[in-house]
Amino acid sequence: MNIYGMKVGESGTIKEVLGDPKLAKRLKALGCVRGTQVKVKLVAPLGDPILITFRGFDLAIRKNDAKNIYLNV
């Protein structure tokens, strides 16, 4: 499952980050690495952006980027 497929309030553990190499590198630098707990906090009415919480802070990501973050639920 990926973050895009989750509903508000659901959480999971990051399995891998794929997609654009620049985005993956940026997310990893922020601490979005394998084994990190992630929770979906808010989804905009049209589905873009998605607000996630991990490691004590919130991050807004686009739905296309959320499709590339795979989780163990």
PDB file of N, CA and C in Angstrom:
ATOM      1  N   MET A   1       0.846  -1.178   0.000  1.00  0.00           N
ATOM      2  CA  MET A   1       0.000   0.000   0.000  1.00  0.00           C
ATOM      3  C   MET A   1       0.894   1.244   0.000  1.00  0.00           C
ATOM      4  N   ASN A   2       0.393   2.315  -0.577  1.00  0.00           N
ATOM      5  CA  ASN A   2       1.125   3.585  -0.554  1.00  0.00           C
ATOM      6  C   ASN A   2       0.334   4.622   0.244  1.00  0.00           C
ATOM      7  N   ILE A   3       0.953   5.763   0.495  1.00  0.00           N
ATOM      8  CA  ILE A   3       0.311   6.797   1.304  1.00  0.00           C
ATOM      9  C   ILE A   3      -0.964   7.305   0.639  1.00  0.00           C
ATOM     10  N   TYR A   4      -0.984   7.370  -0.680  1.00  0.00           N
ATOM     11  CA  TYR A   4      -2.163   7.861  -1.393  1.00  0.00           C
ATOM     12  C   TYR A   4      -3.392   6.996  -1.105  1.00  0.00           C
ATOM     13  N   GLY A   5      -3.213   5.718  -0.867  1.00  0.00           N
ATOM     14  CA  GLY A   5      -4.320   4.803  -0.614  1.00  0.00           C
ATOM     15  C   GLY A   5      -4.823   4.812   0.812  1.00  0.00           C
ATOM     16  N   MET A   6      -4.213   5.601   1.680  1.00  0.00           N
ATOM     17  CA  MET A   6      -4.604   5.638   3.091  1.00  0.00           C
ATOM     18  C   MET A   6      -5.655   6.707   3.353  1.00  0.00           C
ATOM     19  N   LYS A   7      -6.428   6.504   4.412  1.00  0.00           N
ATOM     20  CA  LYS A   7      -7.427   7.478   4.831  1.00  0.00           C
ATOM     21  C   LYS A   7      -6.893   8.280   6.002  1.00  0.00           C
ATOM     22  N   VAL A   8      -7.533   9.394   6.288  1.00  0.00           N
ATOM     23  CA  VAL A   8      -7.136  10.252   7.404  1.00  0.00           C
ATOM     24  C   VAL A   8      -7.171   9.445   8.699  1.00  0.00           C
ATOM     25  N   GLY A   9      -6.089   9.545   9.471  1.00  0.00           N
ATOM     26  CA  GLY A   9      -5.988   8.844  10.744  1.00  0.00           C
ATOM     27  C   GLY A   9      -5.270   7.511  10.658  1.00  0.00           C
ATOM     28  N   GLU A  10      -5.120   6.959   9.465  1.00  0.00           N
ATOM     29  CA  GLU A  10      -4.410   5.687   9.311  1.00  0.00           C
ATOM     30  C   GLU A  10      -2.912   5.918   9.386  1.00  0.00           C
ATOM     31  N   SER A  11      -2.202   4.897   9.815  1.00  0.00           N
ATOM     32  CA  SER A  11      -0.748   5.009   9.898  1.00  0.00           C
ATOM     33  C   SER A  11      -0.100   3.723   9.401  1.00  0.00           C
ATOM     34  N   GLY A  12       1.182   3.815   9.150  1.00  0.00           N
ATOM     35  CA  GLY A  12       1.947   2.673   8.678  1.00  0.00           C
ATOM     36  C   GLY A  12       3.433   2.956   8.800  1.00  0.00           C
ATOM     37  N   THR A  13       4.229   1.972   8.439  1.00  0.00           N
ATOM     38  CA  THR A  13       5.679   2.080   8.495  1.00  0.00           C
ATOM     39  C   THR A  13       6.225   2.099   7.077  1.00  0.00           C
ATOM     40  N   ILE A  14       7.132   3.014   6.805  1.00  0.00           N
ATOM     41  CA  ILE A  14       7.685   3.148   5.455  1.00  0.00           C
ATOM     42  C   ILE A  14       8.488   1.909   5.079  1.00  0.00           C
ATOM     43  N   LYS A  15       8.169   1.370   3.899  1.00  0.00           N
ATOM     44  CA  LYS A  15       8.894   0.223   3.365  1.00  0.00           C
ATOM     45  C   LYS A  15       9.937   0.696   2.360  1.00  0.00           C
ATOM     46  N   GLU A  16       9.537   1.600   1.440  1.00  0.00           N
ATOM     47  CA  GLU A  16      10.474   2.141   0.461  1.00  0.00           C
ATOM     48  C   GLU A  16       9.917   3.404  -0.176  1.00  0.00           C
ATOM     49  N   VAL A  17      10.816   4.239  -0.694  1.00  0.00           N
ATOM     50  CA  VAL A  17      10.454   5.469  -1.389  1.00  0.00           C
ATOM     51  C   VAL A  17      10.996   5.340  -2.814  1.00  0.00           C
ATOM     52  N   LEU A  18      10.096   5.391  -3.781  1.00  0.00           N
ATOM     53  CA  LEU A  18      10.478   5.265  -5.185  1.00  0.00           C
ATOM     54  C   LEU A  18      10.171   6.558  -5.922  1.00  0.00           C
ATOM     55  N   GLY A  19      10.252   6.527  -7.248  1.00  0.00           N
ATOM     56  CA  GLY A  19       9.884   7.693  -8.051  1.00  0.00           C
ATOM     57  C   GLY A  19      11.067   8.571  -8.382  1.00  0.00           C
ATOM     58  N   ASP A  20      10.790   9.866  -8.493  1.00  0.00           N
ATOM     59  CA  ASP A  20      11.791  10.850  -8.857  1.00  0.00           C
ATOM     60  C   ASP A  20      12.978  10.800  -7.883  1.00  0.00           C
ATOM     61  N   PRO A  21      14.199  10.602  -8.391  1.00  0.00           N
ATOM     62  CA  PRO A  21      15.367  10.505  -7.498  1.00  0.00           C
ATOM     63  C   PRO A  21      15.590  11.747  -6.637  1.00  0.00           C
ATOM     64  N   LYS A  22      15.300  12.928  -7.174  1.00  0.00           N
ATOM     65  CA  LYS A  22      15.476  14.154  -6.390  1.00  0.00           C
ATOM     66  C   LYS A  22      14.501  14.185  -5.219  1.00  0.00           C
ATOM     67  N   LEU A  23      13.254  13.799  -5.463  1.00  0.00           N
ATOM     68  CA  LEU A  23      12.255  13.771  -4.401  1.00  0.00           C
ATOM     69  C   LEU A  23      12.628  12.721  -3.355  1.00  0.00           C
ATOM     70  N   ALA A  24      13.018  11.535  -3.803  1.00  0.00           N
ATOM     71  CA  ALA A  24      13.383  10.475  -2.867  1.00  0.00           C
ATOM     72  C   ALA A  24      14.546  10.909  -1.978  1.00  0.00           C
ATOM     73  N   LYS A  25      15.517  11.563  -2.563  1.00  0.00           N
ATOM     74  CA  LYS A  25      16.673  12.038  -1.795  1.00  0.00           C
ATOM     75  C   LYS A  25      16.241  13.095  -0.776  1.00  0.00           C
ATOM     76  N   ARG A  26      15.362  13.992  -1.177  1.00  0.00           N
ATOM     77  CA  ARG A  26      14.883  15.040  -0.274  1.00  0.00           C
ATOM     78  C   ARG A  26      14.092  14.448   0.884  1.00  0.00           C
ATOM     79  N   LEU A  27      13.198  13.499   0.578  1.00  0.00           N
ATOM     80  CA  LEU A  27      12.410  12.866   1.629  1.00  0.00           C
ATOM     81  C   LEU A  27      13.297  12.095   2.601  1.00  0.00           C
ATOM     82  N   LYS A  28      14.290  11.415   2.080  1.00  0.00           N
ATOM     83  CA  LYS A  28      15.215  10.679   2.944  1.00  0.00           C
ATOM     84  C   LYS A  28      16.008  11.625   3.825  1.00  0.00           C
ATOM     85  N   ALA A  29      16.378  12.788   3.308  1.00  0.00           N
ATOM     86  CA  ALA A  29      17.105  13.785   4.104  1.00  0.00           C
ATOM     87  C   ALA A  29      16.225  14.328   5.230  1.00  0.00           C
ATOM     88  N   LEU A  30      14.910  14.352   5.018  1.00  0.00           N
ATOM     89  CA  LEU A  30      13.978  14.807   6.053  1.00  0.00           C
ATOM     90  C   LEU A  30      13.693  13.729   7.100  1.00  0.00           C
ATOM     91  N   GLY A  31      14.138  12.509   6.838  1.00  0.00           N
ATOM     92  CA  GLY A  31      13.924  11.424   7.784  1.00  0.00           C
ATOM     93  C   GLY A  31      12.862  10.437   7.360  1.00  0.00           C
ATOM     94  N   CYS A  32      12.412  10.526   6.135  1.00  0.00           N
ATOM     95  CA  CYS A  32      11.398   9.626   5.593  1.00  0.00           C
ATOM     96  C   CYS A  32      12.108   8.389   5.041  1.00  0.00           C
ATOM     97  N   VAL A  33      12.589   7.539   5.952  1.00  0.00           N
ATOM     98  CA  VAL A  33      13.377   6.360   5.576  1.00  0.00           C
ATOM     99  C   VAL A  33      12.664   5.098   6.048  1.00  0.00           C
ATOM    100  N   ARG A  34      13.162   3.956   5.603  1.00  0.00           N
ATOM    101  CA  ARG A  34      12.582   2.663   5.959  1.00  0.00           C
ATOM    102  C   ARG A  34      12.468   2.526   7.476  1.00  0.00           C
ATOM    103  N   GLY A  35      11.307   2.090   7.927  1.00  0.00           N
ATOM    104  CA  GLY A  35      11.077   1.882   9.342  1.00  0.00           C
ATOM    105  C   GLY A  35      10.445   3.055  10.074  1.00  0.00           C
ATOM    106  N   THR A  36      10.260   4.186   9.399  1.00  0.00           N
ATOM    107  CA  THR A  36       9.675   5.376  10.029  1.00  0.00           C
ATOM    108  C   THR A  36       8.152   5.262  10.054  1.00  0.00           C
ATOM    109  N   GLN A  37       7.552   5.556  11.205  1.00  0.00           N
ATOM    110  CA  GLN A  37       6.098   5.581  11.339  1.00  0.00           C
ATOM    111  C   GLN A  37       5.543   6.835  10.671  1.00  0.00           C
ATOM    112  N   VAL A  38       4.514   6.680   9.850  1.00  0.00           N
ATOM    113  CA  VAL A  38       3.878   7.790   9.142  1.00  0.00           C
ATOM    114  C   VAL A  38       2.376   7.730   9.398  1.00  0.00           C
ATOM    115  N   LYS A  39       1.776   8.896   9.619  1.00  0.00           N
ATOM    116  CA  LYS A  39       0.325   8.974   9.824  1.00  0.00           C
ATOM    117  C   LYS A  39      -0.250  10.039   8.903  1.00  0.00           C
ATOM    118  N   VAL A  40      -1.363   9.722   8.247  1.00  0.00           N
ATOM    119  CA  VAL A  40      -2.044  10.691   7.398  1.00  0.00           C
ATOM    120  C   VAL A  40      -2.885  11.581   8.302  1.00  0.00           C
ATOM    121  N   LYS A  41      -2.584  12.872   8.274  1.00  0.00           N
ATOM    122  CA  LYS A  41      -3.249  13.817   9.158  1.00  0.00           C
ATOM    123  C   LYS A  41      -4.426  14.519   8.470  1.00  0.00           C
ATOM    124  N   LEU A  42      -4.269  14.832   7.178  1.00  0.00           N
ATOM    125  CA  LEU A  42      -5.292  15.594   6.469  1.00  0.00           C
ATOM    126  C   LEU A  42      -5.153  15.369   4.971  1.00  0.00           C
ATOM    127  N   VAL A  43      -6.276  15.316   4.288  1.00  0.00           N
ATOM    128  CA  VAL A  43      -6.287  15.231   2.826  1.00  0.00           C
ATOM    129  C   VAL A  43      -7.144  16.383   2.326  1.00  0.00           C
ATOM    130  N   ALA A  44      -6.620  17.167   1.406  1.00  0.00           N
ATOM    131  CA  ALA A  44      -7.363  18.299   0.846  1.00  0.00           C
ATOM    132  C   ALA A  44      -8.621  17.788   0.120  1.00  0.00           C
ATOM    133  N   PRO A  45      -9.638  18.619  -0.011  1.00  0.00           N
ATOM    134  CA  PRO A  45     -10.894  18.189  -0.631  1.00  0.00           C
ATOM    135  C   PRO A  45     -10.738  17.560  -2.022  1.00  0.00           C
ATOM    136  N   LEU A  46      -9.824  18.042  -2.805  1.00  0.00           N
ATOM    137  CA  LEU A  46      -9.621  17.476  -4.143  1.00  0.00           C
ATOM    138  C   LEU A  46      -8.506  16.442  -4.161  1.00  0.00           C
ATOM    139  N   GLY A  47      -7.990  16.073  -2.983  1.00  0.00           N
ATOM    140  CA  GLY A  47      -6.985  15.021  -2.883  1.00  0.00           C
ATOM    141  C   GLY A  47      -5.552  15.488  -2.997  1.00  0.00           C
ATOM    142  N   ASP A  48      -5.332  16.764  -3.159  1.00  0.00           N
ATOM    143  CA  ASP A  48      -3.977  17.267  -3.341  1.00  0.00           C
ATOM    144  C   ASP A  48      -3.829  18.603  -2.628  1.00  0.00           C
ATOM    145  N   PRO A  49      -3.000  18.806  -1.653  1.00  0.00           N
ATOM    146  CA  PRO A  49      -1.967  17.913  -1.119  1.00  0.00           C
ATOM    147  C   PRO A  49      -2.485  17.026   0.009  1.00  0.00           C
ATOM    148  N   ILE A  50      -1.595  16.159   0.472  1.00  0.00           N
ATOM    149  CA  ILE A  50      -1.860  15.266   1.592  1.00  0.00           C
ATOM    150  C   ILE A  50      -0.891  15.660   2.703  1.00  0.00           C
ATOM    151  N   LEU A  51      -1.413  15.845   3.898  1.00  0.00           N
ATOM    152  CA  LEU A  51      -0.587  16.227   5.043  1.00  0.00           C
ATOM    153  C   LEU A  51      -0.275  14.975   5.854  1.00  0.00           C
ATOM    154  N   ILE A  52       1.025  14.667   5.992  1.00  0.00           N
ATOM    155  CA  ILE A  52       1.444  13.503   6.758  1.00  0.00           C
ATOM    156  C   ILE A  52       2.271  13.953   7.955  1.00  0.00           C
ATOM    157  N   THR A  53       2.287  13.128   8.983  1.00  0.00           N
ATOM    158  CA  THR A  53       3.061  13.397  10.186  1.00  0.00           C
ATOM    159  C   THR A  53       4.052  12.256  10.388  1.00  0.00           C
ATOM    160  N   PHE A  54       5.313  12.613  10.576  1.00  0.00           N
ATOM    161  CA  PHE A  54       6.325  11.627  10.939  1.00  0.00           C
ATOM    162  C   PHE A  54       7.471  12.329  11.643  1.00  0.00           C
ATOM    163  N   ARG A  55       8.085  11.616  12.572  1.00  0.00           N
ATOM    164  CA  ARG A  55       9.213  12.125  13.355  1.00  0.00           C
ATOM    165  C   ARG A  55       8.931  13.475  14.020  1.00  0.00           C
ATOM    166  N   GLY A  56       7.677  13.705  14.387  1.00  0.00           N
ATOM    167  CA  GLY A  56       7.323  14.897  15.137  1.00  0.00           C
ATOM    168  C   GLY A  56       7.023  16.145  14.328  1.00  0.00           C
ATOM    169  N   PHE A  57       6.946  16.042  13.010  1.00  0.00           N
ATOM    170  CA  PHE A  57       6.570  17.214  12.220  1.00  0.00           C
ATOM    171  C   PHE A  57       5.627  16.832  11.094  1.00  0.00           C
ATOM    172  N   ASP A  58       4.954  17.837  10.550  1.00  0.00           N
ATOM    173  CA  ASP A  58       3.998  17.647   9.459  1.00  0.00           C
ATOM    174  C   ASP A  58       4.647  18.010   8.134  1.00  0.00           C
ATOM    175  N   LEU A  59       4.269  17.275   7.099  1.00  0.00           N
ATOM    176  CA  LEU A  59       4.796  17.521   5.760  1.00  0.00           C
ATOM    177  C   LEU A  59       3.656  17.391   4.765  1.00  0.00           C
ATOM    178  N   ALA A  60       3.485  18.382   3.909  1.00  0.00           N
ATOM    179  CA  ALA A  60       2.477  18.339   2.847  1.00  0.00           C
ATOM    180  C   ALA A  60       3.144  17.832   1.580  1.00  0.00           C
ATOM    181  N   ILE A  61       2.571  16.777   0.990  1.00  0.00           N
ATOM    182  CA  ILE A  61       3.113  16.215  -0.237  1.00  0.00           C
ATOM    183  C   ILE A  61       2.009  16.110  -1.280  1.00  0.00           C
ATOM    184  N   ARG A  62       2.417  16.130  -2.533  1.00  0.00           N
ATOM    185  CA  ARG A  62       1.463  15.987  -3.636  1.00  0.00           C
ATOM    186  C   ARG A  62       1.016  14.534  -3.743  1.00  0.00           C
ATOM    187  N   LYS A  63      -0.182  14.328  -4.294  1.00  0.00           N
ATOM    188  CA  LYS A  63      -0.693  12.963  -4.384  1.00  0.00           C
ATOM    189  C   LYS A  63       0.168  12.096  -5.311  1.00  0.00           C
ATOM    190  N   ASN A  64       0.755  12.679  -6.351  1.00  0.00           N
ATOM    191  CA  ASN A  64       1.631  11.896  -7.223  1.00  0.00           C
ATOM    192  C   ASN A  64       2.874  11.415  -6.480  1.00  0.00           C
ATOM    193  N   ASP A  65       3.365  12.245  -5.546  1.00  0.00           N
ATOM    194  CA  ASP A  65       4.512  11.839  -4.739  1.00  0.00           C
ATOM    195  C   ASP A  65       4.095  10.821  -3.687  1.00  0.00           C
ATOM    196  N   ALA A  66       2.890  10.960  -3.150  1.00  0.00           N
ATOM    197  CA  ALA A  66       2.389  10.022  -2.145  1.00  0.00           C
ATOM    198  C   ALA A  66       2.223   8.617  -2.722  1.00  0.00           C
ATOM    199  N   LYS A  67       1.992   8.523  -4.016  1.00  0.00           N
ATOM    200  CA  LYS A  67       1.854   7.219  -4.672  1.00  0.00           C
ATOM    201  C   LYS A  67       3.176   6.468  -4.718  1.00  0.00           C
ATOM    202  N   ASN A  68       4.299   7.170  -4.509  1.00  0.00           N
ATOM    203  CA  ASN A  68       5.624   6.544  -4.576  1.00  0.00           C
ATOM    204  C   ASN A  68       6.210   6.199  -3.218  1.00  0.00           C
ATOM    205  N   ILE A  69       5.458   6.424  -2.144  1.00  0.00           N
ATOM    206  CA  ILE A  69       5.925   6.082  -0.800  1.00  0.00           C
ATOM    207  C   ILE A  69       5.137   4.867  -0.347  1.00  0.00           C
ATOM    208  N   TYR A  70       5.798   3.719  -0.319  1.00  0.00           N
ATOM    209  CA  TYR A  70       5.142   2.443   0.011  1.00  0.00           C
ATOM    210  C   TYR A  70       5.322   2.122   1.484  1.00  0.00           C
ATOM    211  N   LEU A  71       4.252   1.538   2.062  1.00  0.00           N
ATOM    212  CA  LEU A  71       4.204   1.286   3.495  1.00  0.00           C
ATOM    213  C   LEU A  71       3.884  -0.165   3.808  1.00  0.00           C
ATOM    214  N   ASN A  72       4.298  -0.572   5.014  1.00  0.00           N
ATOM    215  CA  ASN A  72       3.809  -1.799   5.639  1.00  0.00           C
ATOM    216  C   ASN A  72       2.710  -1.347   6.584  1.00  0.00           C
ATOM    217  N   VAL A  73       1.516  -1.833   6.392  1.00  0.00           N
ATOM    218  CA  VAL A  73       0.398  -1.378   7.237  1.00  0.00           C
ATOM    219  C   VAL A  73       0.074  -2.435   8.271  1.00  0.00           C
TER     220      VAL A  73
END
